[in-house]
Amino acid sequence: MRLPRDLAAYRAAAVVTGVGLLVLVLVAMPLRYFGDDPTLSTVYSPIHGAIFMVYVVVVIWVTARRGWSPTKALLVILAGAVPFASFIVERKVIAQELAALELIAPEHRSG
């Protein structure tokens, strides 16, 4: 089954946000504080902030389309701010949404 456009966008945003956060936490910040070189952190931090804002907008879009509760939306957004959490939550959210689609429209099942 092909992912609906909103879920595909969420998946991409979650992965990019997760990788971006790992680059910030595991590379840029250690270089800044332990390597005494703030260059990468200075350049990359605003980029990471923009990536996170795109992630938030995508989650809000998916929330509106899928009827998520504000609590679920907030938890999904917070997952983008915790290293590795966006990967875990993305898999869980996509699985839940695909299961819901299968329950709503069983005639679209392949096979």
PDB file of N, CA and C in Angstrom:
ATOM      1  N   MET A   1       0.846  -1.184   0.000  1.00  0.00           N
ATOM      2  CA  MET A   1       0.000   0.000   0.000  1.00  0.00           C
ATOM      3  C   MET A   1       0.889   1.244   0.000  1.00  0.00           C
ATOM      4  N   ARG A   2       0.597   2.142  -0.895  1.00  0.00           N
ATOM      5  CA  ARG A   2       1.321   3.399  -0.956  1.00  0.00           C
ATOM      6  C   ARG A   2       0.824   4.327   0.144  1.00  0.00           C
ATOM      7  N   LEU A   3       1.751   5.023   0.774  1.00  0.00           N
ATOM      8  CA  LEU A   3       1.358   5.944   1.836  1.00  0.00           C
ATOM      9  C   LEU A   3       0.601   7.138   1.266  1.00  0.00           C
ATOM     10  N   PRO A   4      -0.465   7.554   1.936  1.00  0.00           N
ATOM     11  CA  PRO A   4      -1.109   8.806   1.544  1.00  0.00           C
ATOM     12  C   PRO A   4      -0.110   9.961   1.657  1.00  0.00           C
ATOM     13  N   ARG A   5      -0.353  11.000   0.898  1.00  0.00           N
ATOM     14  CA  ARG A   5       0.600  12.111   0.810  1.00  0.00           C
ATOM     15  C   ARG A   5       0.936  12.723   2.171  1.00  0.00           C
ATOM     16  N   ASP A   6      -0.070  12.902   3.027  1.00  0.00           N
ATOM     17  CA  ASP A   6       0.212  13.513   4.327  1.00  0.00           C
ATOM     18  C   ASP A   6       1.098  12.623   5.193  1.00  0.00           C
ATOM     19  N   LEU A   7       0.860  11.314   5.159  1.00  0.00           N
ATOM     20  CA  LEU A   7       1.689  10.401   5.950  1.00  0.00           C
ATOM     21  C   LEU A   7       3.092  10.278   5.370  1.00  0.00           C
ATOM     22  N   ALA A   8       3.210  10.323   4.050  1.00  0.00           N
ATOM     23  CA  ALA A   8       4.540  10.294   3.428  1.00  0.00           C
ATOM     24  C   ALA A   8       5.325  11.548   3.805  1.00  0.00           C
ATOM     25  N   ALA A   9       4.650  12.685   3.824  1.00  0.00           N
ATOM     26  CA  ALA A   9       5.311  13.931   4.227  1.00  0.00           C
ATOM     27  C   ALA A   9       5.726  13.861   5.690  1.00  0.00           C
ATOM     28  N   TYR A  10       4.856  13.305   6.527  1.00  0.00           N
ATOM     29  CA  TYR A  10       5.201  13.156   7.945  1.00  0.00           C
ATOM     30  C   TYR A  10       6.407  12.233   8.106  1.00  0.00           C
ATOM     31  N   ARG A  11       6.402  11.113   7.399  1.00  0.00           N
ATOM     32  CA  ARG A  11       7.533  10.178   7.490  1.00  0.00           C
ATOM     33  C   ARG A  11       8.836  10.885   7.101  1.00  0.00           C
ATOM     34  N   ALA A  12       8.819  11.590   5.989  1.00  0.00           N
ATOM     35  CA  ALA A  12      10.029  12.293   5.534  1.00  0.00           C
ATOM     36  C   ALA A  12      10.459  13.348   6.549  1.00  0.00           C
ATOM     37  N   ALA A  13       9.509  14.114   7.051  1.00  0.00           N
ATOM     38  CA  ALA A  13       9.835  15.162   8.022  1.00  0.00           C
ATOM     39  C   ALA A  13      10.388  14.569   9.311  1.00  0.00           C
ATOM     40  N   ALA A  14       9.826  13.451   9.757  1.00  0.00           N
ATOM     41  CA  ALA A  14      10.306  12.814  10.987  1.00  0.00           C
ATOM     42  C   ALA A  14      11.731  12.303  10.828  1.00  0.00           C
ATOM     43  N   VAL A  15      12.025  11.706   9.688  1.00  0.00           N
ATOM     44  CA  VAL A  15      13.374  11.180   9.449  1.00  0.00           C
ATOM     45  C   VAL A  15      14.380  12.324   9.334  1.00  0.00           C
ATOM     46  N   VAL A  16      14.045  13.343   8.554  1.00  0.00           N
ATOM     47  CA  VAL A  16      14.963  14.476   8.390  1.00  0.00           C
ATOM     48  C   VAL A  16      15.177  15.182   9.734  1.00  0.00           C
ATOM     49  N   THR A  17      14.110  15.355  10.500  1.00  0.00           N
ATOM     50  CA  THR A  17      14.230  15.986  11.814  1.00  0.00           C
ATOM     51  C   THR A  17      15.088  15.147  12.750  1.00  0.00           C
ATOM     52  N   GLY A  18      14.871  13.837  12.748  1.00  0.00           N
ATOM     53  CA  GLY A  18      15.659  12.956  13.606  1.00  0.00           C
ATOM     54  C   GLY A  18      17.130  12.969  13.259  1.00  0.00           C
ATOM     55  N   VAL A  19      17.431  12.884  11.977  1.00  0.00           N
ATOM     56  CA  VAL A  19      18.834  12.922  11.538  1.00  0.00           C
ATOM     57  C   VAL A  19      19.434  14.289  11.863  1.00  0.00           C
ATOM     58  N   GLY A  20      18.668  15.337  11.603  1.00  0.00           N
ATOM     59  CA  GLY A  20      19.155  16.682  11.894  1.00  0.00           C
ATOM     60  C   GLY A  20      19.459  16.893  13.365  1.00  0.00           C
ATOM     61  N   LEU A  21      18.604  16.367  14.225  1.00  0.00           N
ATOM     62  CA  LEU A  21      18.842  16.485  15.663  1.00  0.00           C
ATOM     63  C   LEU A  21      20.081  15.700  16.079  1.00  0.00           C
ATOM     64  N   LEU A  22      20.255  14.520  15.496  1.00  0.00           N
ATOM     65  CA  LEU A  22      21.447  13.731  15.821  1.00  0.00           C
ATOM     66  C   LEU A  22      22.724  14.439  15.376  1.00  0.00           C
ATOM     67  N   VAL A  23      22.698  15.064  14.216  1.00  0.00           N
ATOM     68  CA  VAL A  23      23.871  15.828  13.761  1.00  0.00           C
ATOM     69  C   VAL A  23      24.165  16.956  14.751  1.00  0.00           C
ATOM     70  N   LEU A  24      23.119  17.631  15.188  1.00  0.00           N
ATOM     71  CA  LEU A  24      23.305  18.724  16.140  1.00  0.00           C
ATOM     72  C   LEU A  24      23.877  18.222  17.465  1.00  0.00           C
ATOM     73  N   VAL A  25      23.264  17.179  18.011  1.00  0.00           N
ATOM     74  CA  VAL A  25      23.631  16.693  19.345  1.00  0.00           C
ATOM     75  C   VAL A  25      24.938  15.907  19.352  1.00  0.00           C
ATOM     76  N   LEU A  26      25.173  15.127  18.312  1.00  0.00           N
ATOM     77  CA  LEU A  26      26.346  14.246  18.317  1.00  0.00           C
ATOM     78  C   LEU A  26      27.569  14.823  17.605  1.00  0.00           C
ATOM     79  N   VAL A  27      27.373  15.853  16.796  1.00  0.00           N
ATOM     80  CA  VAL A  27      28.511  16.418  16.063  1.00  0.00           C
ATOM     81  C   VAL A  27      28.712  17.900  16.404  1.00  0.00           C
ATOM     82  N   ALA A  28      27.715  18.727  16.107  1.00  0.00           N
ATOM     83  CA  ALA A  28      27.890  20.176  16.233  1.00  0.00           C
ATOM     84  C   ALA A  28      28.118  20.626  17.675  1.00  0.00           C
ATOM     85  N   MET A  29      27.305  20.146  18.595  1.00  0.00           N
ATOM     86  CA  MET A  29      27.449  20.587  19.985  1.00  0.00           C
ATOM     87  C   MET A  29      28.735  20.076  20.634  1.00  0.00           C
ATOM     88  N   PRO A  30      29.111  18.809  20.449  1.00  0.00           N
ATOM     89  CA  PRO A  30      30.409  18.389  21.001  1.00  0.00           C
ATOM     90  C   PRO A  30      31.584  19.190  20.438  1.00  0.00           C
ATOM     91  N   LEU A  31      31.534  19.500  19.141  1.00  0.00           N
ATOM     92  CA  LEU A  31      32.603  20.328  18.575  1.00  0.00           C
ATOM     93  C   LEU A  31      32.635  21.708  19.233  1.00  0.00           C
ATOM     94  N   ARG A  32      31.472  22.227  19.505  1.00  0.00           N
ATOM     95  CA  ARG A  32      31.388  23.551  20.121  1.00  0.00           C
ATOM     96  C   ARG A  32      31.926  23.538  21.553  1.00  0.00           C
ATOM     97  N   TYR A  33      31.476  22.570  22.350  1.00  0.00           N
ATOM     98  CA  TYR A  33      31.797  22.604  23.773  1.00  0.00           C
ATOM     99  C   TYR A  33      33.047  21.822  24.163  1.00  0.00           C
ATOM    100  N   PHE A  34      33.367  20.780  23.416  1.00  0.00           N
ATOM    101  CA  PHE A  34      34.553  19.987  23.754  1.00  0.00           C
ATOM    102  C   PHE A  34      35.719  20.253  22.808  1.00  0.00           C
ATOM    103  N   GLY A  35      35.421  20.665  21.600  1.00  0.00           N
ATOM    104  CA  GLY A  35      36.462  20.934  20.615  1.00  0.00           C
ATOM    105  C   GLY A  35      36.787  22.409  20.488  1.00  0.00           C
ATOM    106  N   ASP A  36      36.063  23.232  21.246  1.00  0.00           N
ATOM    107  CA  ASP A  36      36.276  24.679  21.234  1.00  0.00           C
ATOM    108  C   ASP A  36      36.187  25.259  19.817  1.00  0.00           C
ATOM    109  N   ASP A  37      35.267  24.703  19.018  1.00  0.00           N
ATOM    110  CA  ASP A  37      35.065  25.191  17.652  1.00  0.00           C
ATOM    111  C   ASP A  37      33.565  25.387  17.412  1.00  0.00           C
ATOM    112  N   PRO A  38      33.079  26.601  17.572  1.00  0.00           N
ATOM    113  CA  PRO A  38      31.646  26.845  17.429  1.00  0.00           C
ATOM    114  C   PRO A  38      31.165  27.004  15.987  1.00  0.00           C
ATOM    115  N   THR A  39      32.047  26.862  15.017  1.00  0.00           N
ATOM    116  CA  THR A  39      31.694  27.146  13.627  1.00  0.00           C
ATOM    117  C   THR A  39      30.505  26.321  13.143  1.00  0.00           C
ATOM    118  N   LEU A  40      30.588  25.007  13.258  1.00  0.00           N
ATOM    119  CA  LEU A  40      29.505  24.146  12.766  1.00  0.00           C
ATOM    120  C   LEU A  40      28.209  24.422  13.514  1.00  0.00           C
ATOM    121  N   SER A  41      28.298  24.569  14.813  1.00  0.00           N
ATOM    122  CA  SER A  41      27.111  24.847  15.613  1.00  0.00           C
ATOM    123  C   SER A  41      26.468  26.171  15.207  1.00  0.00           C
ATOM    124  N   THR A  42      27.292  27.167  14.972  1.00  0.00           N
ATOM    125  CA  THR A  42      26.788  28.487  14.583  1.00  0.00           C
ATOM    126  C   THR A  42      26.070  28.431  13.237  1.00  0.00           C
ATOM    127  N   VAL A  43      26.611  27.675  12.319  1.00  0.00           N
ATOM    128  CA  VAL A  43      26.011  27.561  10.987  1.00  0.00           C
ATOM    129  C   VAL A  43      24.817  26.614  11.007  1.00  0.00           C
ATOM    130  N   TYR A  44      24.940  25.491  11.696  1.00  0.00           N
ATOM    131  CA  TYR A  44      23.939  24.436  11.602  1.00  0.00           C
ATOM    132  C   TYR A  44      22.724  24.655  12.505  1.00  0.00           C
ATOM    133  N   SER A  45      22.886  25.303  13.642  1.00  0.00           N
ATOM    134  CA  SER A  45      21.761  25.472  14.571  1.00  0.00           C
ATOM    135  C   SER A  45      20.545  26.142  13.934  1.00  0.00           C
ATOM    136  N   PRO A  46      20.702  27.236  13.178  1.00  0.00           N
ATOM    137  CA  PRO A  46      19.522  27.816  12.526  1.00  0.00           C
ATOM    138  C   PRO A  46      18.910  26.894  11.464  1.00  0.00           C
ATOM    139  N   ILE A  47      19.748  26.118  10.803  1.00  0.00           N
ATOM    140  CA  ILE A  47      19.239  25.157   9.815  1.00  0.00           C
ATOM    141  C   ILE A  47      18.390  24.111  10.526  1.00  0.00           C
ATOM    142  N   HIS A  48      18.906  23.622  11.641  1.00  0.00           N
ATOM    143  CA  HIS A  48      18.148  22.645  12.427  1.00  0.00           C
ATOM    144  C   HIS A  48      16.823  23.251  12.907  1.00  0.00           C
ATOM    145  N   GLY A  49      16.853  24.505  13.323  1.00  0.00           N
ATOM    146  CA  GLY A  49      15.622  25.171  13.750  1.00  0.00           C
ATOM    147  C   GLY A  49      14.594  25.240  12.633  1.00  0.00           C
ATOM    148  N   ALA A  50      15.045  25.530  11.427  1.00  0.00           N
ATOM    149  CA  ALA A  50      14.138  25.577  10.273  1.00  0.00           C
ATOM    150  C   ALA A  50      13.575  24.192   9.968  1.00  0.00           C
ATOM    151  N   ILE A  51      14.424  23.180  10.052  1.00  0.00           N
ATOM    152  CA  ILE A  51      13.969  21.800   9.834  1.00  0.00           C
ATOM    153  C   ILE A  51      12.890  21.445  10.850  1.00  0.00           C
ATOM    154  N   PHE A  52      13.113  21.809  12.104  1.00  0.00           N
ATOM    155  CA  PHE A  52      12.134  21.496  13.146  1.00  0.00           C
ATOM    156  C   PHE A  52      10.819  22.233  12.905  1.00  0.00           C
ATOM    157  N   MET A  53      10.886  23.479  12.452  1.00  0.00           N
ATOM    158  CA  MET A  53       9.657  24.225  12.174  1.00  0.00           C
ATOM    159  C   MET A  53       8.861  23.576  11.038  1.00  0.00           C
ATOM    160  N   VAL A  54       9.547  23.089  10.023  1.00  0.00           N
ATOM    161  CA  VAL A  54       8.865  22.362   8.945  1.00  0.00           C
ATOM    162  C   VAL A  54       8.197  21.116   9.521  1.00  0.00           C
ATOM    163  N   TYR A  55       8.900  20.410  10.403  1.00  0.00           N
ATOM    164  CA  TYR A  55       8.340  19.222  11.058  1.00  0.00           C
ATOM    165  C   TYR A  55       7.058  19.584  11.816  1.00  0.00           C
ATOM    166  N   VAL A  56       7.086  20.672  12.556  1.00  0.00           N
ATOM    167  CA  VAL A  56       5.904  21.094  13.315  1.00  0.00           C
ATOM    168  C   VAL A  56       4.742  21.393  12.372  1.00  0.00           C
ATOM    169  N   VAL A  57       5.003  22.094  11.288  1.00  0.00           N
ATOM    170  CA  VAL A  57       3.949  22.414  10.318  1.00  0.00           C
ATOM    171  C   VAL A  57       3.371  21.134   9.711  1.00  0.00           C
ATOM    172  N   VAL A  58       4.232  20.181   9.375  1.00  0.00           N
ATOM    173  CA  VAL A  58       3.758  18.912   8.806  1.00  0.00           C
ATOM    174  C   VAL A  58       2.899  18.167   9.825  1.00  0.00           C
ATOM    175  N   VAL A  59       3.323  18.138  11.082  1.00  0.00           N
ATOM    176  CA  VAL A  59       2.529  17.454  12.113  1.00  0.00           C
ATOM    177  C   VAL A  59       1.174  18.138  12.279  1.00  0.00           C
ATOM    178  N   ILE A  60       1.137  19.453  12.245  1.00  0.00           N
ATOM    179  CA  ILE A  60      -0.140  20.167  12.347  1.00  0.00           C
ATOM    180  C   ILE A  60      -1.029  19.834  11.150  1.00  0.00           C
ATOM    181  N   TRP A  61      -0.448  19.756   9.959  1.00  0.00           N
ATOM    182  CA  TRP A  61      -1.209  19.388   8.760  1.00  0.00           C
ATOM    183  C   TRP A  61      -1.783  17.976   8.899  1.00  0.00           C
ATOM    184  N   VAL A  62      -0.955  17.038   9.331  1.00  0.00           N
ATOM    185  CA  VAL A  62      -1.425  15.662   9.504  1.00  0.00           C
ATOM    186  C   VAL A  62      -2.501  15.614  10.587  1.00  0.00           C
ATOM    187  N   THR A  63      -2.315  16.369  11.648  1.00  0.00           N
ATOM    188  CA  THR A  63      -3.310  16.428  12.726  1.00  0.00           C
ATOM    189  C   THR A  63      -4.661  16.880  12.183  1.00  0.00           C
ATOM    190  N   ALA A  64      -4.653  17.902  11.358  1.00  0.00           N
ATOM    191  CA  ALA A  64      -5.901  18.413  10.784  1.00  0.00           C
ATOM    192  C   ALA A  64      -6.544  17.387   9.859  1.00  0.00           C
ATOM    193  N   ARG A  65      -5.743  16.707   9.064  1.00  0.00           N
ATOM    194  CA  ARG A  65      -6.285  15.729   8.107  1.00  0.00           C
ATOM    195  C   ARG A  65      -6.744  14.440   8.771  1.00  0.00           C
ATOM    196  N   ARG A  66      -6.062  14.036   9.825  1.00  0.00           N
ATOM    197  CA  ARG A  66      -6.338  12.743  10.454  1.00  0.00           C
ATOM    198  C   ARG A  66      -7.179  12.845  11.713  1.00  0.00           C
ATOM    199  N   GLY A  67      -7.450  14.038  12.172  1.00  0.00           N
ATOM    200  CA  GLY A  67      -8.275  14.207  13.361  1.00  0.00           C
ATOM    201  C   GLY A  67      -7.589  13.793  14.654  1.00  0.00           C
ATOM    202  N   TRP A  68      -6.277  13.969  14.707  1.00  0.00           N
ATOM    203  CA  TRP A  68      -5.557  13.627  15.937  1.00  0.00           C
ATOM    204  C   TRP A  68      -5.973  14.572  17.054  1.00  0.00           C
ATOM    205  N   SER A  69      -5.883  14.081  18.270  1.00  0.00           N
ATOM    206  CA  SER A  69      -6.144  14.930  19.430  1.00  0.00           C
ATOM    207  C   SER A  69      -4.976  15.897  19.611  1.00  0.00           C
ATOM    208  N   PRO A  70      -5.215  17.015  20.285  1.00  0.00           N
ATOM    209  CA  PRO A  70      -4.106  17.929  20.569  1.00  0.00           C
ATOM    210  C   PRO A  70      -2.989  17.255  21.373  1.00  0.00           C
ATOM    211  N   THR A  71      -3.352  16.338  22.253  1.00  0.00           N
ATOM    212  CA  THR A  71      -2.342  15.623  23.048  1.00  0.00           C
ATOM    213  C   THR A  71      -1.451  14.782  22.156  1.00  0.00           C
ATOM    214  N   LYS A  72      -2.059  14.045  21.233  1.00  0.00           N
ATOM    215  CA  LYS A  72      -1.256  13.224  20.324  1.00  0.00           C
ATOM    216  C   LYS A  72      -0.349  14.106  19.478  1.00  0.00           C
ATOM    217  N   ALA A  73      -0.893  15.199  18.959  1.00  0.00           N
ATOM    218  CA  ALA A  73      -0.087  16.108  18.138  1.00  0.00           C
ATOM    219  C   ALA A  73       1.093  16.650  18.937  1.00  0.00           C
ATOM    220  N   LEU A  74       0.842  17.054  20.170  1.00  0.00           N
ATOM    221  CA  LEU A  74       1.913  17.592  21.007  1.00  0.00           C
ATOM    222  C   LEU A  74       2.982  16.540  21.283  1.00  0.00           C
ATOM    223  N   LEU A  75       2.568  15.316  21.566  1.00  0.00           N
ATOM    224  CA  LEU A  75       3.541  14.247  21.819  1.00  0.00           C
ATOM    225  C   LEU A  75       4.368  13.938  20.575  1.00  0.00           C
ATOM    226  N   VAL A  76       3.730  13.953  19.421  1.00  0.00           N
ATOM    227  CA  VAL A  76       4.465  13.708  18.171  1.00  0.00           C
ATOM    228  C   VAL A  76       5.446  14.851  17.916  1.00  0.00           C
ATOM    229  N   ILE A  77       5.023  16.078  18.174  1.00  0.00           N
ATOM    230  CA  ILE A  77       5.933  17.220  18.016  1.00  0.00           C
ATOM    231  C   ILE A  77       7.107  17.104  18.981  1.00  0.00           C
ATOM    232  N   LEU A  78       6.829  16.775  20.228  1.00  0.00           N
ATOM    233  CA  LEU A  78       7.909  16.637  21.215  1.00  0.00           C
ATOM    234  C   LEU A  78       8.888  15.533  20.838  1.00  0.00           C
ATOM    235  N   ALA A  79       8.406  14.501  20.168  1.00  0.00           N
ATOM    236  CA  ALA A  79       9.298  13.421  19.734  1.00  0.00           C
ATOM    237  C   ALA A  79      10.375  13.942  18.790  1.00  0.00           C
ATOM    238  N   GLY A  80      10.078  15.006  18.082  1.00  0.00           N
ATOM    239  CA  GLY A  80      11.068  15.600  17.189  1.00  0.00           C
ATOM    240  C   GLY A  80      12.175  16.342  17.910  1.00  0.00           C
ATOM    241  N   ALA A  81      12.016  16.523  19.220  1.00  0.00           N
ATOM    242  CA  ALA A  81      13.015  17.247  20.009  1.00  0.00           C
ATOM    243  C   ALA A  81      13.835  16.326  20.905  1.00  0.00           C
ATOM    244  N   VAL A  82      13.587  15.026  20.831  1.00  0.00           N
ATOM    245  CA  VAL A  82      14.310  14.052  21.657  1.00  0.00           C
ATOM    246  C   VAL A  82      15.095  13.134  20.724  1.00  0.00           C
ATOM    247  N   PRO A  83      16.413  13.053  20.920  1.00  0.00           N
ATOM    248  CA  PRO A  83      17.204  12.195  20.027  1.00  0.00           C
ATOM    249  C   PRO A  83      16.641  10.772  19.935  1.00  0.00           C
ATOM    250  N   PHE A  84      16.526  10.271  18.744  1.00  0.00           N
ATOM    251  CA  PHE A  84      16.027   8.944  18.377  1.00  0.00           C
ATOM    252  C   PHE A  84      14.508   8.792  18.507  1.00  0.00           C
ATOM    253  N   ALA A  85      13.844   9.654  19.255  1.00  0.00           N
ATOM    254  CA  ALA A  85      12.406   9.492  19.477  1.00  0.00           C
ATOM    255  C   ALA A  85      11.598   9.665  18.199  1.00  0.00           C
ATOM    256  N   SER A  86      12.017  10.559  17.317  1.00  0.00           N
ATOM    257  CA  SER A  86      11.224  10.775  16.101  1.00  0.00           C
ATOM    258  C   SER A  86      11.172   9.517  15.244  1.00  0.00           C
ATOM    259  N   PHE A  87      12.246   8.731  15.250  1.00  0.00           N
ATOM    260  CA  PHE A  87      12.260   7.482  14.476  1.00  0.00           C
ATOM    261  C   PHE A  87      11.272   6.469  15.059  1.00  0.00           C
ATOM    262  N   ILE A  88      11.275   6.351  16.378  1.00  0.00           N
ATOM    263  CA  ILE A  88      10.407   5.384  17.062  1.00  0.00           C
ATOM    264  C   ILE A  88       8.943   5.787  16.908  1.00  0.00           C
ATOM    265  N   VAL A  89       8.658   7.052  17.165  1.00  0.00           N
ATOM    266  CA  VAL A  89       7.279   7.536  17.089  1.00  0.00           C
ATOM    267  C   VAL A  89       6.766   7.487  15.654  1.00  0.00           C
ATOM    268  N   GLU A  90       7.620   7.798  14.691  1.00  0.00           N
ATOM    269  CA  GLU A  90       7.201   7.751  13.282  1.00  0.00           C
ATOM    270  C   GLU A  90       6.722   6.359  12.904  1.00  0.00           C
ATOM    271  N   ARG A  91       7.472   5.351  13.287  1.00  0.00           N
ATOM    272  CA  ARG A  91       7.072   3.979  12.950  1.00  0.00           C
ATOM    273  C   ARG A  91       5.737   3.621  13.602  1.00  0.00           C
ATOM    274  N   LYS A  92       5.565   4.023  14.856  1.00  0.00           N
ATOM    275  CA  LYS A  92       4.322   3.726  15.568  1.00  0.00           C
ATOM    276  C   LYS A  92       3.137   4.469  14.941  1.00  0.00           C
ATOM    277  N   VAL A  93       3.318   5.743  14.642  1.00  0.00           N
ATOM    278  CA  VAL A  93       2.243   6.552  14.063  1.00  0.00           C
ATOM    279  C   VAL A  93       1.841   6.016  12.694  1.00  0.00           C
ATOM    280  N   ILE A  94       2.819   5.721  11.846  1.00  0.00           N
ATOM    281  CA  ILE A  94       2.510   5.209  10.507  1.00  0.00           C
ATOM    282  C   ILE A  94       1.775   3.875  10.612  1.00  0.00           C
ATOM    283  N   ALA A  95       2.217   2.997  11.501  1.00  0.00           N
ATOM    284  CA  ALA A  95       1.543   1.703  11.680  1.00  0.00           C
ATOM    285  C   ALA A  95       0.099   1.903  12.133  1.00  0.00           C
ATOM    286  N   GLN A  96      -0.125   2.808  13.082  1.00  0.00           N
ATOM    287  CA  GLN A  96      -1.485   3.079  13.561  1.00  0.00           C
ATOM    288  C   GLN A  96      -2.366   3.637  12.448  1.00  0.00           C
ATOM    289  N   GLU A  97      -1.828   4.566  11.692  1.00  0.00           N
ATOM    290  CA  GLU A  97      -2.616   5.190  10.631  1.00  0.00           C
ATOM    291  C   GLU A  97      -2.921   4.209   9.501  1.00  0.00           C
ATOM    292  N   LEU A  98      -1.960   3.366   9.151  1.00  0.00           N
ATOM    293  CA  LEU A  98      -2.216   2.361   8.112  1.00  0.00           C
ATOM    294  C   LEU A  98      -3.241   1.339   8.585  1.00  0.00           C
ATOM    295  N   ALA A  99      -3.170   0.964   9.856  1.00  0.00           N
ATOM    296  CA  ALA A  99      -4.167   0.039  10.404  1.00  0.00           C
ATOM    297  C   ALA A  99      -5.554   0.678  10.358  1.00  0.00           C
ATOM    298  N   ALA A 100      -5.640   1.949  10.683  1.00  0.00           N
ATOM    299  CA  ALA A 100      -6.924   2.647  10.630  1.00  0.00           C
ATOM    300  C   ALA A 100      -7.448   2.717   9.200  1.00  0.00           C
ATOM    301  N   LEU A 101      -6.566   2.940   8.242  1.00  0.00           N
ATOM    302  CA  LEU A 101      -6.990   2.970   6.841  1.00  0.00           C
ATOM    303  C   LEU A 101      -7.510   1.613   6.391  1.00  0.00           C
ATOM    304  N   GLU A 102      -6.871   0.557   6.843  1.00  0.00           N
ATOM    305  CA  GLU A 102      -7.319  -0.796   6.488  1.00  0.00           C
ATOM    306  C   GLU A 102      -8.695  -1.084   7.079  1.00  0.00           C
ATOM    307  N   LEU A 103      -8.963  -0.591   8.274  1.00  0.00           N
ATOM    308  CA  LEU A 103     -10.265  -0.809   8.903  1.00  0.00           C
ATOM    309  C   LEU A 103     -11.355  -0.001   8.210  1.00  0.00           C
ATOM    310  N   ILE A 104     -11.002   1.187   7.765  1.00  0.00           N
ATOM    311  CA  ILE A 104     -11.984   2.059   7.125  1.00  0.00           C
ATOM    312  C   ILE A 104     -12.283   1.606   5.702  1.00  0.00           C
ATOM    313  N   ALA A 105     -11.257   1.200   4.974  1.00  0.00           N
ATOM    314  CA  ALA A 105     -11.429   0.867   3.562  1.00  0.00           C
ATOM    315  C   ALA A 105     -10.818  -0.493   3.232  1.00  0.00           C
ATOM    316  N   PRO A 106     -11.427  -1.588   3.713  1.00  0.00           N
ATOM    317  CA  PRO A 106     -10.837  -2.903   3.458  1.00  0.00           C
ATOM    318  C   PRO A 106     -10.820  -3.282   1.978  1.00  0.00           C
ATOM    319  N   GLU A 107     -11.645  -2.655   1.154  1.00  0.00           N
ATOM    320  CA  GLU A 107     -11.660  -2.998  -0.270  1.00  0.00           C
ATOM    321  C   GLU A 107     -10.391  -2.541  -0.984  1.00  0.00           C
ATOM    322  N   HIS A 108      -9.595  -1.705  -0.344  1.00  0.00           N
ATOM    323  CA  HIS A 108      -8.347  -1.240  -0.943  1.00  0.00           C
ATOM    324  C   HIS A 108      -7.157  -2.140  -0.611  1.00  0.00           C
ATOM    325  N   ARG A 109      -7.389  -3.221   0.100  1.00  0.00           N
ATOM    326  CA  ARG A 109      -6.294  -4.137   0.425  1.00  0.00           C
ATOM    327  C   ARG A 109      -5.781  -4.807  -0.835  1.00  0.00           C
ATOM    328  N   SER A 110      -4.467  -4.953  -0.899  1.00  0.00           N
ATOM    329  CA  SER A 110      -3.900  -5.666  -2.048  1.00  0.00           C
ATOM    330  C   SER A 110      -3.889  -7.155  -1.756  1.00  0.00           C
ATOM    331  N   GLY A 111      -4.012  -7.961  -2.806  1.00  0.00           N
ATOM    332  CA  GLY A 111      -3.914  -9.406  -2.616  1.00  0.00           C
ATOM    333  C   GLY A 111      -5.172 -10.046  -2.771  1.00  0.00           C
TER     334      GLY A 111
END
